[in-house]
Amino acid sequence: QVQLVESGGGLVQAGGSLRLSCAASGSILSIVSMGWYRQAPGKQRELVASIISGTSTYYADSVKGRFTISRDNAKNTVYLQMNSLKPEDTAVYYCHVYSLRDYWGQGTQVTVSS
């Protein structure tokens, strides 16, 4: 089993920044990918950013140039630096890890006020 602990959400004004963290612990055999999804009220969960095999990154078009994903392999932790936040970034953000199967964090609320 893998446990994911998220932190860093909160309330911020438009144009501000937040940094999300997700630490993975437990029976981590081989993490293939680490990333972040988000789900806004009434919308489907969507992939925001991910790191695959520790090097290759993916970003949703809506966050390119504003968000940066990074990973600390020694700590099995993934970060999401979010800059120039917009009200449409408001959502619950979920950490996701794939290690033989999917693992999800509990979610952290990010609210961007206009």
N, C-alpha and C. Protein backbone atom coordinates (compact mmCIF):
# COMPACT_ATOMS: atom_id res chain seq x y z
N GLN A 1 0.83 -1.18 0.00
CA GLN A 1 0.00 0.00 0.00
C GLN A 1 0.87 1.24 0.00
N VAL A 2 0.37 2.28 -0.64
CA VAL A 2 1.04 3.57 -0.69
C VAL A 2 0.13 4.61 -0.07
N GLN A 3 0.68 5.42 0.81
CA GLN A 3 -0.08 6.51 1.41
C GLN A 3 0.42 7.83 0.84
N LEU A 4 -0.51 8.71 0.55
CA LEU A 4 -0.17 10.02 0.01
C LEU A 4 -0.69 11.09 0.96
N VAL A 5 0.19 12.01 1.33
CA VAL A 5 -0.19 13.11 2.21
C VAL A 5 0.05 14.41 1.48
N GLU A 6 -1.02 15.16 1.28
CA GLU A 6 -0.95 16.42 0.55
C GLU A 6 -0.95 17.60 1.51
N SER A 7 -0.38 18.69 1.05
CA SER A 7 -0.42 19.93 1.82
C SER A 7 -0.24 21.10 0.87
N GLY A 8 -0.60 22.29 1.35
CA GLY A 8 -0.31 23.50 0.59
C GLY A 8 -1.49 24.21 -0.04
N GLY A 9 -2.67 23.66 0.04
CA GLY A 9 -3.81 24.35 -0.52
C GLY A 9 -4.19 25.56 0.31
N GLY A 10 -5.18 26.31 -0.18
CA GLY A 10 -5.65 27.46 0.57
C GLY A 10 -6.36 28.47 -0.30
N LEU A 11 -6.52 29.65 0.27
CA LEU A 11 -7.20 30.76 -0.41
C LEU A 11 -6.17 31.79 -0.83
N VAL A 12 -6.26 32.23 -2.07
CA VAL A 12 -5.31 33.21 -2.58
C VAL A 12 -6.03 34.12 -3.56
N GLN A 13 -5.57 35.34 -3.69
CA GLN A 13 -6.15 36.26 -4.65
C GLN A 13 -5.62 35.96 -6.05
N ALA A 14 -6.38 36.34 -7.04
CA ALA A 14 -5.95 36.16 -8.43
C ALA A 14 -4.59 36.83 -8.64
N GLY A 15 -3.72 36.11 -9.34
CA GLY A 15 -2.37 36.59 -9.55
C GLY A 15 -1.37 36.09 -8.54
N GLY A 16 -1.88 35.49 -7.47
CA GLY A 16 -1.02 34.98 -6.42
C GLY A 16 -0.45 33.61 -6.73
N SER A 17 0.24 33.06 -5.74
CA SER A 17 0.91 31.77 -5.91
C SER A 17 0.62 30.85 -4.73
N LEU A 18 0.65 29.57 -5.03
CA LEU A 18 0.57 28.54 -4.01
C LEU A 18 1.49 27.40 -4.43
N ARG A 19 1.95 26.63 -3.43
CA ARG A 19 2.76 25.46 -3.72
C ARG A 19 2.15 24.25 -3.02
N LEU A 20 1.81 23.27 -3.82
CA LEU A 20 1.26 22.02 -3.28
C LEU A 20 2.38 20.99 -3.13
N SER A 21 2.27 20.19 -2.08
CA SER A 21 3.23 19.10 -1.87
C SER A 21 2.47 17.81 -1.65
N CYS A 22 3.07 16.71 -2.07
CA CYS A 22 2.48 15.39 -1.87
C CYS A 22 3.60 14.41 -1.57
N ALA A 23 3.59 13.88 -0.35
CA ALA A 23 4.61 12.93 0.06
C ALA A 23 4.05 11.52 0.02
N ALA A 24 4.76 10.63 -0.65
CA ALA A 24 4.34 9.24 -0.76
C ALA A 24 5.15 8.38 0.21
N SER A 25 4.46 7.47 0.89
CA SER A 25 5.14 6.56 1.80
C SER A 25 4.47 5.20 1.73
N GLY A 26 5.15 4.20 2.31
CA GLY A 26 4.58 2.86 2.31
C GLY A 26 5.34 1.94 1.39
N SER A 27 4.63 1.00 0.81
CA SER A 27 5.26 -0.02 -0.03
C SER A 27 5.45 0.50 -1.45
N ILE A 28 6.44 1.36 -1.58
CA ILE A 28 6.71 1.97 -2.88
C ILE A 28 7.73 1.11 -3.60
N LEU A 29 7.28 0.38 -4.56
CA LEU A 29 8.19 -0.49 -5.30
C LEU A 29 8.83 0.23 -6.47
N SER A 30 8.01 0.84 -7.26
CA SER A 30 8.53 1.53 -8.43
C SER A 30 7.49 2.54 -8.87
N ILE A 31 7.77 3.78 -8.59
CA ILE A 31 6.82 4.83 -8.99
C ILE A 31 7.06 5.16 -10.46
N VAL A 32 6.03 4.96 -11.24
CA VAL A 32 6.13 5.27 -12.67
C VAL A 32 5.82 6.74 -12.93
N SER A 33 4.81 7.23 -12.28
CA SER A 33 4.45 8.62 -12.48
C SER A 33 3.88 9.22 -11.20
N MET A 34 4.08 10.52 -11.07
CA MET A 34 3.50 11.30 -9.97
C MET A 34 2.90 12.54 -10.60
N GLY A 35 1.75 12.94 -10.09
CA GLY A 35 1.13 14.11 -10.71
C GLY A 35 -0.01 14.67 -9.90
N TRP A 36 -0.66 15.63 -10.50
CA TRP A 36 -1.77 16.33 -9.88
C TRP A 36 -2.96 16.40 -10.82
N TYR A 37 -4.13 16.09 -10.28
CA TYR A 37 -5.40 16.28 -10.96
C TYR A 37 -6.18 17.33 -10.18
N ARG A 38 -7.20 17.86 -10.81
CA ARG A 38 -8.09 18.77 -10.09
C ARG A 38 -9.53 18.54 -10.53
N GLN A 39 -10.43 18.88 -9.63
CA GLN A 39 -11.85 18.76 -9.93
C GLN A 39 -12.59 19.96 -9.37
N ALA A 40 -13.18 20.72 -10.28
CA ALA A 40 -13.98 21.87 -9.89
C ALA A 40 -15.44 21.42 -9.75
N PRO A 41 -16.24 22.16 -8.99
CA PRO A 41 -17.65 21.78 -8.80
C PRO A 41 -18.37 21.62 -10.13
N GLY A 42 -19.04 20.50 -10.29
CA GLY A 42 -19.82 20.26 -11.50
C GLY A 42 -19.01 19.85 -12.71
N LYS A 43 -17.70 19.67 -12.52
CA LYS A 43 -16.84 19.30 -13.65
C LYS A 43 -16.14 17.97 -13.39
N GLN A 44 -15.64 17.38 -14.46
CA GLN A 44 -14.90 16.13 -14.32
C GLN A 44 -13.50 16.39 -13.81
N ARG A 45 -12.94 15.38 -13.18
CA ARG A 45 -11.55 15.49 -12.74
C ARG A 45 -10.65 15.53 -13.97
N GLU A 46 -9.68 16.44 -13.93
CA GLU A 46 -8.79 16.59 -15.07
C GLU A 46 -7.33 16.55 -14.63
N LEU A 47 -6.48 16.07 -15.51
CA LEU A 47 -5.05 16.04 -15.24
C LEU A 47 -4.48 17.43 -15.42
N VAL A 48 -3.76 17.88 -14.41
CA VAL A 48 -3.14 19.20 -14.44
C VAL A 48 -1.69 19.09 -14.89
N ALA A 49 -0.93 18.23 -14.23
CA ALA A 49 0.48 18.07 -14.54
C ALA A 49 0.97 16.73 -14.00
N SER A 50 1.99 16.20 -14.66
CA SER A 50 2.55 14.94 -14.18
C SER A 50 4.01 14.82 -14.56
N ILE A 51 4.72 14.02 -13.79
CA ILE A 51 6.11 13.65 -14.09
C ILE A 51 6.13 12.16 -14.31
N ILE A 52 6.65 11.74 -15.46
CA ILE A 52 6.67 10.33 -15.82
C ILE A 52 8.12 9.84 -15.80
N SER A 53 8.34 8.77 -15.09
CA SER A 53 9.68 8.16 -14.99
C SER A 53 10.71 9.15 -14.48
N GLY A 54 10.25 10.11 -13.69
CA GLY A 54 11.14 11.04 -13.03
C GLY A 54 11.68 12.17 -13.87
N THR A 55 11.41 12.16 -15.18
CA THR A 55 12.00 13.19 -16.03
C THR A 55 11.01 13.85 -16.97
N SER A 56 10.22 13.08 -17.66
CA SER A 56 9.30 13.64 -18.64
C SER A 56 8.11 14.29 -17.95
N THR A 57 7.77 15.51 -18.37
CA THR A 57 6.66 16.23 -17.75
C THR A 57 5.53 16.49 -18.75
N TYR A 58 4.34 16.60 -18.18
CA TYR A 58 3.14 16.94 -18.97
C TYR A 58 2.39 18.03 -18.24
N TYR A 59 1.86 18.99 -19.02
CA TYR A 59 1.04 20.04 -18.45
C TYR A 59 -0.23 20.19 -19.29
N ALA A 60 -1.33 20.41 -18.63
CA ALA A 60 -2.54 20.78 -19.34
C ALA A 60 -2.33 22.14 -19.99
N ASP A 61 -2.94 22.36 -21.12
CA ASP A 61 -2.77 23.63 -21.83
C ASP A 61 -3.15 24.82 -20.95
N SER A 62 -4.14 24.64 -20.12
CA SER A 62 -4.65 25.74 -19.31
C SER A 62 -3.66 26.22 -18.24
N VAL A 63 -2.64 25.41 -17.95
CA VAL A 63 -1.70 25.80 -16.88
C VAL A 63 -0.28 25.99 -17.39
N LYS A 64 -0.04 25.71 -18.67
CA LYS A 64 1.31 25.85 -19.22
C LYS A 64 1.81 27.27 -19.03
N GLY A 65 3.06 27.37 -18.58
CA GLY A 65 3.67 28.68 -18.36
C GLY A 65 3.36 29.27 -17.00
N ARG A 66 2.42 28.68 -16.27
CA ARG A 66 2.07 29.20 -14.94
C ARG A 66 2.37 28.19 -13.83
N PHE A 67 2.21 26.92 -14.11
CA PHE A 67 2.44 25.88 -13.11
C PHE A 67 3.73 25.12 -13.44
N THR A 68 4.41 24.68 -12.40
CA THR A 68 5.61 23.87 -12.57
C THR A 68 5.55 22.67 -11.63
N ILE A 69 5.72 21.49 -12.20
CA ILE A 69 5.75 20.28 -11.39
C ILE A 69 7.19 19.84 -11.21
N SER A 70 7.49 19.36 -10.01
CA SER A 70 8.83 18.87 -9.73
C SER A 70 8.74 17.70 -8.76
N ARG A 71 9.83 16.95 -8.67
CA ARG A 71 9.81 15.75 -7.83
C ARG A 71 11.14 15.63 -7.11
N ASP A 72 11.05 15.28 -5.83
CA ASP A 72 12.23 14.98 -5.03
C ASP A 72 12.25 13.47 -4.85
N ASN A 73 13.10 12.79 -5.61
CA ASN A 73 13.11 11.33 -5.57
C ASN A 73 13.51 10.78 -4.20
N ALA A 74 14.42 11.47 -3.54
CA ALA A 74 14.89 10.99 -2.24
C ALA A 74 13.77 11.00 -1.21
N LYS A 75 12.84 11.94 -1.37
CA LYS A 75 11.74 12.08 -0.41
C LYS A 75 10.44 11.51 -0.95
N ASN A 76 10.46 10.98 -2.18
CA ASN A 76 9.23 10.50 -2.82
C ASN A 76 8.13 11.55 -2.73
N THR A 77 8.49 12.77 -3.01
CA THR A 77 7.57 13.89 -2.90
C THR A 77 7.46 14.60 -4.24
N VAL A 78 6.24 14.97 -4.57
CA VAL A 78 6.01 15.75 -5.78
C VAL A 78 5.42 17.09 -5.39
N TYR A 79 5.84 18.11 -6.11
CA TYR A 79 5.42 19.48 -5.83
C TYR A 79 4.71 20.07 -7.05
N LEU A 80 3.82 21.00 -6.78
CA LEU A 80 3.19 21.75 -7.86
C LEU A 80 3.26 23.23 -7.48
N GLN A 81 4.14 23.95 -8.14
CA GLN A 81 4.24 25.39 -7.93
C GLN A 81 3.24 26.06 -8.86
N MET A 82 2.32 26.80 -8.29
CA MET A 82 1.26 27.44 -9.08
C MET A 82 1.41 28.95 -8.98
N ASN A 83 1.71 29.58 -10.08
CA ASN A 83 1.87 31.03 -10.14
C ASN A 83 0.79 31.64 -11.02
N SER A 84 0.62 32.93 -10.90
CA SER A 84 -0.37 33.66 -11.70
C SER A 84 -1.73 32.96 -11.66
N LEU A 85 -2.15 32.64 -10.47
CA LEU A 85 -3.39 31.88 -10.31
C LEU A 85 -4.59 32.69 -10.78
N LYS A 86 -5.55 31.98 -11.34
CA LYS A 86 -6.78 32.59 -11.85
C LYS A 86 -7.98 31.98 -11.11
N PRO A 87 -9.09 32.69 -11.08
CA PRO A 87 -10.29 32.13 -10.43
C PRO A 87 -10.68 30.77 -11.01
N GLU A 88 -10.43 30.56 -12.28
CA GLU A 88 -10.79 29.27 -12.90
C GLU A 88 -9.88 28.13 -12.46
N ASP A 89 -8.83 28.43 -11.71
CA ASP A 89 -7.99 27.38 -11.13
C ASP A 89 -8.59 26.83 -9.84
N THR A 90 -9.66 27.45 -9.36
CA THR A 90 -10.31 27.00 -8.14
C THR A 90 -10.83 25.58 -8.31
N ALA A 91 -10.41 24.69 -7.40
CA ALA A 91 -10.79 23.29 -7.48
C ALA A 91 -10.19 22.54 -6.30
N VAL A 92 -10.60 21.30 -6.15
CA VAL A 92 -9.91 20.39 -5.24
C VAL A 92 -8.81 19.72 -6.05
N TYR A 93 -7.59 19.80 -5.54
CA TYR A 93 -6.44 19.23 -6.23
C TYR A 93 -6.08 17.90 -5.56
N TYR A 94 -5.91 16.89 -6.40
CA TYR A 94 -5.61 15.55 -5.92
C TYR A 94 -4.24 15.10 -6.41
N CYS A 95 -3.45 14.60 -5.50
CA CYS A 95 -2.19 13.99 -5.85
C CYS A 95 -2.46 12.59 -6.41
N HIS A 96 -1.73 12.21 -7.42
CA HIS A 96 -1.88 10.89 -8.03
C HIS A 96 -0.51 10.26 -8.22
N VAL A 97 -0.43 9.00 -7.87
CA VAL A 97 0.80 8.22 -8.06
C VAL A 97 0.42 6.92 -8.73
N TYR A 98 1.23 6.52 -9.73
CA TYR A 98 1.04 5.21 -10.31
C TYR A 98 2.26 4.36 -9.97
N SER A 99 2.02 3.31 -9.21
CA SER A 99 3.05 2.36 -8.82
C SER A 99 2.40 0.99 -8.78
N LEU A 100 2.37 0.33 -9.89
CA LEU A 100 1.68 -0.95 -10.10
C LEU A 100 0.16 -0.78 -10.11
N ARG A 101 -0.31 0.30 -9.53
CA ARG A 101 -1.74 0.65 -9.57
C ARG A 101 -1.85 2.13 -9.25
N ASP A 102 -3.09 2.65 -9.36
CA ASP A 102 -3.31 4.07 -9.08
C ASP A 102 -3.49 4.30 -7.58
N TYR A 103 -2.88 5.37 -7.09
CA TYR A 103 -3.08 5.83 -5.72
C TYR A 103 -3.47 7.30 -5.77
N TRP A 104 -4.38 7.69 -4.85
CA TRP A 104 -4.89 9.05 -4.81
C TRP A 104 -4.74 9.64 -3.42
N GLY A 105 -4.42 10.93 -3.39
CA GLY A 105 -4.43 11.64 -2.13
C GLY A 105 -5.86 12.02 -1.76
N GLN A 106 -5.99 12.63 -0.58
CA GLN A 106 -7.32 12.95 -0.07
C GLN A 106 -7.88 14.22 -0.69
N GLY A 107 -7.03 14.98 -1.34
CA GLY A 107 -7.47 16.22 -1.97
C GLY A 107 -7.21 17.42 -1.09
N THR A 108 -6.87 18.52 -1.73
CA THR A 108 -6.65 19.78 -1.01
C THR A 108 -7.32 20.90 -1.80
N GLN A 109 -8.05 21.74 -1.09
CA GLN A 109 -8.83 22.79 -1.74
C GLN A 109 -7.94 23.97 -2.10
N VAL A 110 -8.06 24.42 -3.33
CA VAL A 110 -7.42 25.65 -3.78
C VAL A 110 -8.53 26.59 -4.24
N THR A 111 -8.57 27.76 -3.62
CA THR A 111 -9.59 28.74 -3.98
C THR A 111 -8.90 30.04 -4.37
N VAL A 112 -9.22 30.52 -5.57
CA VAL A 112 -8.63 31.75 -6.08
C VAL A 112 -9.74 32.78 -6.20
N SER A 113 -9.61 33.85 -5.46
CA SER A 113 -10.63 34.90 -5.48
C SER A 113 -10.27 35.96 -6.51
N SER A 114 -11.30 36.55 -7.08
CA SER A 114 -11.07 37.57 -8.13
C SER A 114 -10.98 38.96 -7.53
